[in-house]
Protein backbone atom coordinates (compact mmCIF):
# COMPACT_ATOMS: atom_id res chain seq x y z
CA MET A 1 -39.37 -49.94 21.60
CA SER A 2 -38.48 -48.99 25.22
CA LYS A 3 -38.13 -45.47 26.50
CA PRO A 4 -34.65 -44.00 26.50
CA GLY A 5 -32.98 -44.02 30.04
CA LEU A 6 -31.55 -40.92 31.75
CA SER A 7 -28.04 -41.95 30.83
CA THR A 8 -28.77 -42.11 27.26
CA ILE A 9 -30.52 -38.67 27.25
CA ALA A 10 -27.59 -37.41 28.99
CA LEU A 11 -25.19 -38.75 26.38
CA VAL A 12 -27.33 -37.31 23.52
CA LEU A 13 -27.38 -33.98 25.33
CA MET A 14 -23.65 -33.90 25.66
CA ALA A 15 -23.25 -34.80 21.96
CA VAL A 16 -25.42 -32.01 20.93
CA ALA A 17 -23.49 -29.53 23.28
CA ALA A 18 -20.09 -30.86 21.88
CA ALA A 19 -21.36 -30.64 18.34
CA GLY A 20 -22.16 -27.10 19.14
CA LEU A 21 -18.89 -26.14 20.65
CA LEU A 22 -17.31 -27.54 17.78
CA SER A 23 -19.47 -25.47 15.42
CA CYS A 24 -18.66 -22.40 17.29
CA LYS A 25 -14.84 -23.08 17.31
CA SER A 26 -15.06 -23.63 13.44
CA SER A 27 -17.10 -20.52 13.16
CA SER A 28 -14.52 -18.43 14.99
CA ASN A 29 -11.64 -20.04 13.27
CA SER A 30 -13.34 -18.84 9.90
CA GLN A 31 -13.75 -15.46 11.23
CA ALA A 32 -10.10 -15.19 12.20
CA ASP A 33 -9.16 -16.45 8.97
CA ALA A 34 -11.34 -13.91 7.02
CA ASP A 35 -9.84 -11.00 9.16
CA LEU A 36 -6.42 -12.28 8.34
CA ILE A 37 -7.20 -12.51 4.73
CA ARG A 38 -8.73 -9.03 4.77
CA ALA A 39 -5.28 -7.58 6.33
CA THR A 40 -3.46 -9.66 3.98
CA GLU A 41 -5.25 -8.30 0.74
CA ARG A 42 -4.74 -4.62 2.37
CA GLN A 43 -1.00 -5.32 2.76
CA ARG A 44 -0.92 -6.84 -0.76
CA LEU A 45 -2.24 -3.50 -2.22
CA ARG A 46 -0.04 -1.47 -0.25
CA ALA A 47 2.79 -3.31 -1.53
CA LEU A 48 1.66 -2.91 -5.00
CA VAL A 49 1.00 0.86 -4.75
CA GLU A 50 4.35 1.16 -3.08
CA ALA A 51 6.20 -1.09 -5.53
CA ASN A 52 7.42 -3.15 -2.75
CA VAL A 53 7.89 -6.31 -5.02
CA GLU A 54 9.81 -8.20 -2.08
CA VAL A 55 6.46 -8.02 0.09
CA ALA A 56 4.27 -8.62 -2.92
CA ARG A 57 6.32 -11.65 -3.96
CA GLN A 58 5.46 -13.33 -0.59
CA LEU A 59 1.80 -12.72 -0.97
CA HIS A 60 1.40 -13.94 -4.35
CA ALA A 61 1.48 -17.75 -4.88
CA ASP A 62 4.00 -19.08 -7.39
CA ASP A 63 1.24 -19.98 -9.82
CA PHE A 64 -0.74 -16.51 -9.47
CA GLN A 65 -2.60 -15.64 -12.50
CA LEU A 66 -4.19 -12.09 -12.96
CA ILE A 67 -7.01 -11.19 -15.37
CA ASN A 68 -6.97 -7.40 -15.64
CA PRO A 69 -9.96 -5.35 -16.84
CA ARG A 70 -8.91 -5.64 -20.43
CA GLY A 71 -9.02 -9.46 -20.25
CA GLU A 72 -5.09 -9.89 -20.37
CA SER A 73 -3.60 -12.57 -18.51
CA PHE A 74 -0.41 -12.20 -16.35
CA SER A 75 1.49 -14.66 -14.34
CA ARG A 76 3.09 -13.84 -11.02
CA ASP A 77 6.47 -12.99 -12.49
CA GLN A 78 5.00 -11.12 -15.28
CA TYR A 79 2.92 -9.07 -13.21
CA LEU A 80 5.43 -8.29 -10.36
CA GLY A 81 8.12 -7.67 -13.11
CA GLY A 82 5.82 -5.25 -14.59
CA ILE A 83 5.33 -3.65 -10.97
CA ALA A 84 9.16 -3.50 -10.76
CA SER A 85 9.91 -2.07 -14.06
CA GLY A 86 7.28 0.68 -13.65
CA GLU A 87 5.18 -0.71 -16.61
CA PHE A 88 2.49 -0.99 -14.04
CA ASP A 89 2.73 1.92 -11.60
CA TYR A 90 -0.32 1.98 -9.04
CA LEU A 91 -1.02 5.51 -7.85
CA VAL A 92 -4.06 4.87 -6.03
CA TRP A 93 -5.90 1.50 -4.81
CA GLU A 94 -8.11 1.98 -2.22
CA PRO A 95 -10.60 -0.98 -1.40
CA GLU A 96 -13.86 -0.51 0.19
CA SER A 97 -15.34 -3.28 2.64
CA ILE A 98 -13.88 -6.61 1.75
CA GLU A 99 -16.27 -9.51 1.66
CA VAL A 100 -14.55 -12.79 2.47
CA ARG A 101 -15.84 -16.36 2.18
CA VAL A 102 -13.58 -19.02 3.69
CA TYR A 103 -13.65 -22.80 2.56
CA GLY A 104 -11.19 -24.66 4.54
CA GLU A 105 -7.80 -24.07 3.06
CA GLY A 106 -9.21 -21.92 0.32
CA ALA A 107 -11.24 -18.50 0.34
CA VAL A 108 -12.63 -16.18 -2.08
CA ILE A 109 -13.01 -12.41 -1.64
CA ARG A 110 -14.81 -9.60 -3.42
CA TYR A 111 -14.67 -5.84 -3.01
CA ARG A 112 -15.11 -2.55 -4.93
CA SER A 113 -12.13 -0.19 -5.11
CA GLN A 114 -10.99 3.19 -6.54
CA LEU A 115 -8.18 2.58 -8.67
CA GLU A 116 -5.77 4.88 -10.60
CA ILE A 117 -2.74 3.51 -12.44
CA VAL A 118 -0.19 4.13 -15.17
CA VAL A 119 0.06 1.33 -17.65
CA ARG A 120 3.03 1.30 -20.13
CA GLY A 121 3.14 5.18 -19.70
CA HIS A 122 -0.64 5.79 -20.16
CA LYS A 123 -2.32 7.01 -17.06
CA VAL A 124 -5.81 5.69 -16.33
CA THR A 125 -7.58 8.02 -14.28
CA LEU A 126 -9.30 7.11 -10.94
CA ARG A 127 -11.95 4.77 -11.53
CA ARG A 128 -14.17 2.12 -9.70
CA HIS A 129 -13.71 -1.53 -10.09
CA TRP A 130 -14.87 -4.85 -8.64
CA HIS A 131 -12.27 -7.16 -7.72
CA THR A 132 -12.45 -11.03 -7.06
CA ASP A 133 -9.51 -12.98 -5.70
CA SER A 134 -8.90 -16.51 -4.51
CA TYR A 135 -6.60 -17.19 -1.63
CA GLU A 136 -5.11 -20.63 -0.58
CA LYS A 137 -3.53 -21.43 2.77
CA ARG A 138 0.01 -22.58 1.63
CA ASN A 139 2.75 -23.73 4.16
CA GLY A 140 0.75 -21.95 7.03
CA ARG A 141 0.09 -18.67 5.24
CA TRP A 142 -2.69 -17.16 2.94
CA GLN A 143 -1.53 -16.21 -0.49
CA VAL A 144 -3.56 -14.86 -3.51
CA VAL A 145 -3.66 -17.45 -6.35
CA TRP A 146 -6.12 -15.80 -8.75
CA SER A 147 -7.13 -12.23 -9.14
CA GLN A 148 -9.66 -10.68 -11.54
CA ALA A 149 -10.76 -6.99 -11.95
CA THR A 150 -13.72 -5.53 -13.78
CA GLU A 151 -14.10 -2.00 -14.22
CA ILE A 152 -17.55 -0.41 -12.95
CA VAL A 153 -18.82 1.67 -16.00
């Protein structure tokens, strides 16, 4: 086996450098997506607290599904219909630090929050919850697809 020439070594080094640049670009794109998803989640929570169903509808995928702390399942239309009617009236929904994992066109977020809500006329006082949500990039924008909340007791 012969020793590699300088041109071969130069090509290998350029390939390694290019791979590093692509890796950095991918990482910075993931960070930008993570920041955008955090902002989108905060916008979604504001829309729900303000009962702004028009904005909330844009942030929830058509096939969105919520599993609430009681284990009940709601479609997007059921959930946002409940927000619009006042059946679900968020008084406070304050997230702590939102952790994001981006996987190409999908992402998973997790955070704790302080949440106070009136459900069907029954006030649930301020309590802490864990939230885990999955997002997908659809038609160029991030939308929440699945959401699950668990009360911290």
